[in-house]
Amino acid sequence: MEDLERELGDDFVRSPLPWNAAFLAGKALVTYRRNGGTKASTLPDFYIGAHAAISGLQLLSRDARRFKTSFPSVKLISPN
């Protein structure tokens, strides 16, 4: 873990998930399911998107569509 943190340097910051982000992630998951979403392991993605939205962070993802739909305020960095 120390090697990874040294390689990442000061450009990357880890922070705990704020309670309001956890709540937002749950709401996004419910909306996803009500709209017919069927992927089984989406909650981690919703935690990540909600944390970015609440904290005003940019998000690097190959799955830009999901984040744009659920968290439109998040600035995305995506190769797509």
N, C-alpha and C. Protein backbone atom coordinates (compact mmCIF):
# COMPACT_ATOMS: atom_id res chain seq x y z
N MET A 1 0.83 -1.18 0.00
CA MET A 1 0.00 0.00 0.00
C MET A 1 0.88 1.26 0.00
N GLU A 2 1.96 1.20 0.72
CA GLU A 2 2.85 2.36 0.77
C GLU A 2 3.44 2.65 -0.61
N ASP A 3 3.78 1.57 -1.36
CA ASP A 3 4.33 1.76 -2.71
C ASP A 3 3.32 2.47 -3.61
N LEU A 4 2.07 2.05 -3.53
CA LEU A 4 1.02 2.68 -4.33
C LEU A 4 0.87 4.15 -3.97
N GLU A 5 0.79 4.44 -2.70
CA GLU A 5 0.63 5.83 -2.27
C GLU A 5 1.81 6.69 -2.70
N ARG A 6 3.01 6.13 -2.65
CA ARG A 6 4.19 6.86 -3.10
C ARG A 6 4.11 7.14 -4.60
N GLU A 7 3.68 6.16 -5.39
CA GLU A 7 3.55 6.32 -6.84
C GLU A 7 2.48 7.35 -7.20
N LEU A 8 1.38 7.34 -6.48
CA LEU A 8 0.29 8.28 -6.77
C LEU A 8 0.67 9.70 -6.39
N GLY A 9 1.49 9.84 -5.38
CA GLY A 9 1.92 11.16 -4.95
C GLY A 9 0.79 12.00 -4.40
N ASP A 10 0.93 13.30 -4.51
CA ASP A 10 -0.06 14.22 -3.95
C ASP A 10 -1.20 14.54 -4.92
N ASP A 11 -1.17 13.95 -6.13
CA ASP A 11 -2.21 14.24 -7.11
C ASP A 11 -3.52 13.52 -6.80
N PHE A 12 -3.46 12.47 -5.98
CA PHE A 12 -4.64 11.69 -5.66
C PHE A 12 -4.88 11.75 -4.16
N VAL A 13 -6.13 11.97 -3.80
CA VAL A 13 -6.49 12.09 -2.40
C VAL A 13 -7.58 11.05 -2.09
N ARG A 14 -7.39 10.29 -1.04
CA ARG A 14 -8.43 9.38 -0.57
C ARG A 14 -9.17 10.08 0.55
N SER A 15 -10.48 9.98 0.54
CA SER A 15 -11.25 10.59 1.61
C SER A 15 -12.43 9.68 1.94
N PRO A 16 -12.90 9.72 3.19
CA PRO A 16 -14.03 8.88 3.58
C PRO A 16 -15.30 9.31 2.86
N LEU A 17 -16.21 8.37 2.72
CA LEU A 17 -17.49 8.64 2.06
C LEU A 17 -18.39 9.45 2.99
N PRO A 18 -18.75 10.67 2.59
CA PRO A 18 -19.65 11.47 3.43
C PRO A 18 -21.05 10.82 3.52
N TRP A 19 -21.70 11.00 4.65
CA TRP A 19 -23.02 10.41 4.86
C TRP A 19 -24.00 10.85 3.77
N ASN A 20 -24.00 12.13 3.39
CA ASN A 20 -24.95 12.58 2.36
C ASN A 20 -24.63 11.96 1.01
N ALA A 21 -23.39 11.57 0.76
CA ALA A 21 -23.06 10.86 -0.48
C ALA A 21 -23.61 9.44 -0.44
N ALA A 22 -23.54 8.79 0.72
CA ALA A 22 -24.11 7.45 0.86
C ALA A 22 -25.62 7.48 0.60
N PHE A 23 -26.28 8.50 1.13
CA PHE A 23 -27.72 8.65 0.92
C PHE A 23 -28.02 8.86 -0.57
N LEU A 24 -27.26 9.75 -1.22
CA LEU A 24 -27.44 10.02 -2.65
C LEU A 24 -27.20 8.76 -3.48
N ALA A 25 -26.20 7.97 -3.10
CA ALA A 25 -25.92 6.72 -3.82
C ALA A 25 -27.11 5.77 -3.73
N GLY A 26 -27.70 5.67 -2.56
CA GLY A 26 -28.88 4.83 -2.39
C GLY A 26 -30.05 5.29 -3.24
N LYS A 27 -30.26 6.60 -3.28
CA LYS A 27 -31.34 7.14 -4.12
C LYS A 27 -31.08 6.86 -5.60
N ALA A 28 -29.82 7.00 -6.02
CA ALA A 28 -29.47 6.73 -7.43
C ALA A 28 -29.69 5.26 -7.77
N LEU A 29 -29.35 4.38 -6.82
CA LEU A 29 -29.56 2.94 -7.05
C LEU A 29 -31.04 2.62 -7.19
N VAL A 30 -31.87 3.21 -6.33
CA VAL A 30 -33.32 2.98 -6.42
C VAL A 30 -33.85 3.46 -7.77
N THR A 31 -33.43 4.63 -8.20
CA THR A 31 -33.87 5.15 -9.50
C THR A 31 -33.42 4.23 -10.62
N TYR A 32 -32.19 3.76 -10.56
CA TYR A 32 -31.65 2.83 -11.56
C TYR A 32 -32.51 1.57 -11.64
N ARG A 33 -32.83 0.99 -10.50
CA ARG A 33 -33.65 -0.23 -10.48
C ARG A 33 -35.08 0.04 -11.00
N ARG A 34 -35.66 1.16 -10.60
CA ARG A 34 -37.02 1.49 -11.04
C ARG A 34 -37.07 1.73 -12.55
N ASN A 35 -35.95 2.15 -13.13
CA ASN A 35 -35.89 2.36 -14.58
C ASN A 35 -35.46 1.12 -15.33
N GLY A 36 -35.46 -0.02 -14.67
CA GLY A 36 -35.18 -1.28 -15.34
C GLY A 36 -33.73 -1.73 -15.29
N GLY A 37 -32.89 -1.06 -14.54
CA GLY A 37 -31.49 -1.46 -14.43
C GLY A 37 -31.36 -2.83 -13.80
N THR A 38 -30.52 -3.67 -14.38
CA THR A 38 -30.43 -5.05 -13.91
C THR A 38 -29.03 -5.48 -13.47
N LYS A 39 -28.02 -4.65 -13.69
CA LYS A 39 -26.67 -5.05 -13.28
C LYS A 39 -26.66 -5.27 -11.76
N ALA A 40 -25.97 -6.33 -11.33
CA ALA A 40 -26.02 -6.72 -9.92
C ALA A 40 -25.06 -5.93 -9.03
N SER A 41 -23.95 -5.49 -9.55
CA SER A 41 -22.93 -4.88 -8.67
C SER A 41 -22.76 -3.39 -8.94
N THR A 42 -23.84 -2.66 -8.97
CA THR A 42 -23.78 -1.24 -9.30
C THR A 42 -23.58 -0.33 -8.10
N LEU A 43 -23.89 -0.79 -6.90
CA LEU A 43 -23.81 0.09 -5.75
C LEU A 43 -22.43 0.73 -5.56
N PRO A 44 -21.32 0.01 -5.73
CA PRO A 44 -20.02 0.69 -5.63
C PRO A 44 -19.87 1.85 -6.62
N ASP A 45 -20.36 1.68 -7.84
CA ASP A 45 -20.30 2.77 -8.81
C ASP A 45 -21.13 3.97 -8.34
N PHE A 46 -22.29 3.70 -7.75
CA PHE A 46 -23.12 4.78 -7.26
C PHE A 46 -22.47 5.47 -6.07
N TYR A 47 -21.79 4.73 -5.20
CA TYR A 47 -21.02 5.36 -4.11
C TYR A 47 -19.97 6.30 -4.68
N ILE A 48 -19.25 5.84 -5.69
CA ILE A 48 -18.19 6.65 -6.29
C ILE A 48 -18.77 7.91 -6.94
N GLY A 49 -19.83 7.75 -7.72
CA GLY A 49 -20.46 8.90 -8.38
C GLY A 49 -21.03 9.89 -7.39
N ALA A 50 -21.68 9.40 -6.36
CA ALA A 50 -22.27 10.28 -5.35
C ALA A 50 -21.19 11.02 -4.57
N HIS A 51 -20.12 10.32 -4.25
CA HIS A 51 -19.01 10.97 -3.53
C HIS A 51 -18.43 12.10 -4.38
N ALA A 52 -18.25 11.86 -5.67
CA ALA A 52 -17.75 12.90 -6.56
C ALA A 52 -18.73 14.07 -6.63
N ALA A 53 -20.02 13.77 -6.71
CA ALA A 53 -21.03 14.84 -6.81
C ALA A 53 -21.06 15.69 -5.55
N ILE A 54 -21.08 15.07 -4.40
CA ILE A 54 -21.18 15.78 -3.13
C ILE A 54 -19.90 16.58 -2.85
N SER A 55 -18.76 16.01 -3.23
CA SER A 55 -17.47 16.62 -2.90
C SER A 55 -16.93 17.54 -4.00
N GLY A 56 -17.65 17.64 -5.13
CA GLY A 56 -17.20 18.49 -6.22
C GLY A 56 -15.93 17.98 -6.89
N LEU A 57 -15.81 16.66 -7.00
CA LEU A 57 -14.63 16.04 -7.59
C LEU A 57 -14.87 15.66 -9.04
N GLN A 58 -13.81 15.59 -9.82
CA GLN A 58 -13.86 15.04 -11.17
C GLN A 58 -13.78 13.53 -11.06
N LEU A 59 -14.28 12.85 -12.09
CA LEU A 59 -14.31 11.39 -12.05
C LEU A 59 -13.74 10.84 -13.34
N LEU A 60 -12.81 9.91 -13.22
CA LEU A 60 -12.24 9.21 -14.36
C LEU A 60 -12.96 7.88 -14.49
N SER A 61 -13.59 7.63 -15.65
CA SER A 61 -14.35 6.40 -15.84
C SER A 61 -14.45 6.02 -17.31
N ARG A 62 -14.50 4.71 -17.56
CA ARG A 62 -14.78 4.23 -18.91
C ARG A 62 -16.27 4.09 -19.13
N ASP A 63 -17.08 4.20 -18.07
CA ASP A 63 -18.53 4.07 -18.16
C ASP A 63 -19.19 5.42 -17.93
N ALA A 64 -18.90 6.35 -18.82
CA ALA A 64 -19.38 7.73 -18.66
C ALA A 64 -20.91 7.81 -18.68
N ARG A 65 -21.56 6.98 -19.46
CA ARG A 65 -23.02 7.08 -19.59
C ARG A 65 -23.73 6.92 -18.25
N ARG A 66 -23.33 5.93 -17.47
CA ARG A 66 -23.98 5.70 -16.18
C ARG A 66 -23.82 6.91 -15.27
N PHE A 67 -22.63 7.46 -15.23
CA PHE A 67 -22.39 8.59 -14.34
C PHE A 67 -23.10 9.85 -14.84
N LYS A 68 -23.13 10.06 -16.16
CA LYS A 68 -23.83 11.23 -16.70
C LYS A 68 -25.32 11.17 -16.38
N THR A 69 -25.88 9.98 -16.44
CA THR A 69 -27.31 9.81 -16.17
C THR A 69 -27.63 10.02 -14.69
N SER A 70 -26.86 9.41 -13.82
CA SER A 70 -27.17 9.45 -12.39
C SER A 70 -26.61 10.67 -11.67
N PHE A 71 -25.50 11.21 -12.16
CA PHE A 71 -24.84 12.32 -11.49
C PHE A 71 -24.41 13.36 -12.52
N PRO A 72 -25.37 14.08 -13.10
CA PRO A 72 -25.06 15.00 -14.19
C PRO A 72 -24.14 16.16 -13.80
N SER A 73 -24.05 16.47 -12.51
CA SER A 73 -23.18 17.58 -12.10
C SER A 73 -21.70 17.21 -12.04
N VAL A 74 -21.40 15.93 -12.13
CA VAL A 74 -20.01 15.48 -12.01
C VAL A 74 -19.29 15.68 -13.33
N LYS A 75 -18.12 16.33 -13.28
CA LYS A 75 -17.29 16.48 -14.47
C LYS A 75 -16.58 15.16 -14.71
N LEU A 76 -16.76 14.60 -15.90
CA LEU A 76 -16.20 13.30 -16.23
C LEU A 76 -14.98 13.41 -17.12
N ILE A 77 -14.03 12.56 -16.85
CA ILE A 77 -12.87 12.37 -17.72
C ILE A 77 -13.04 10.95 -18.25
N SER A 78 -13.26 10.83 -19.56
CA SER A 78 -13.56 9.53 -20.12
C SER A 78 -12.96 9.40 -21.51
N PRO A 79 -12.42 8.22 -21.83
CA PRO A 79 -11.89 8.01 -23.17
C PRO A 79 -12.98 7.87 -24.23
N ASN A 80 -14.23 7.69 -23.80
CA ASN A 80 -15.34 7.48 -24.75
C ASN A 80 -15.92 8.81 -25.19
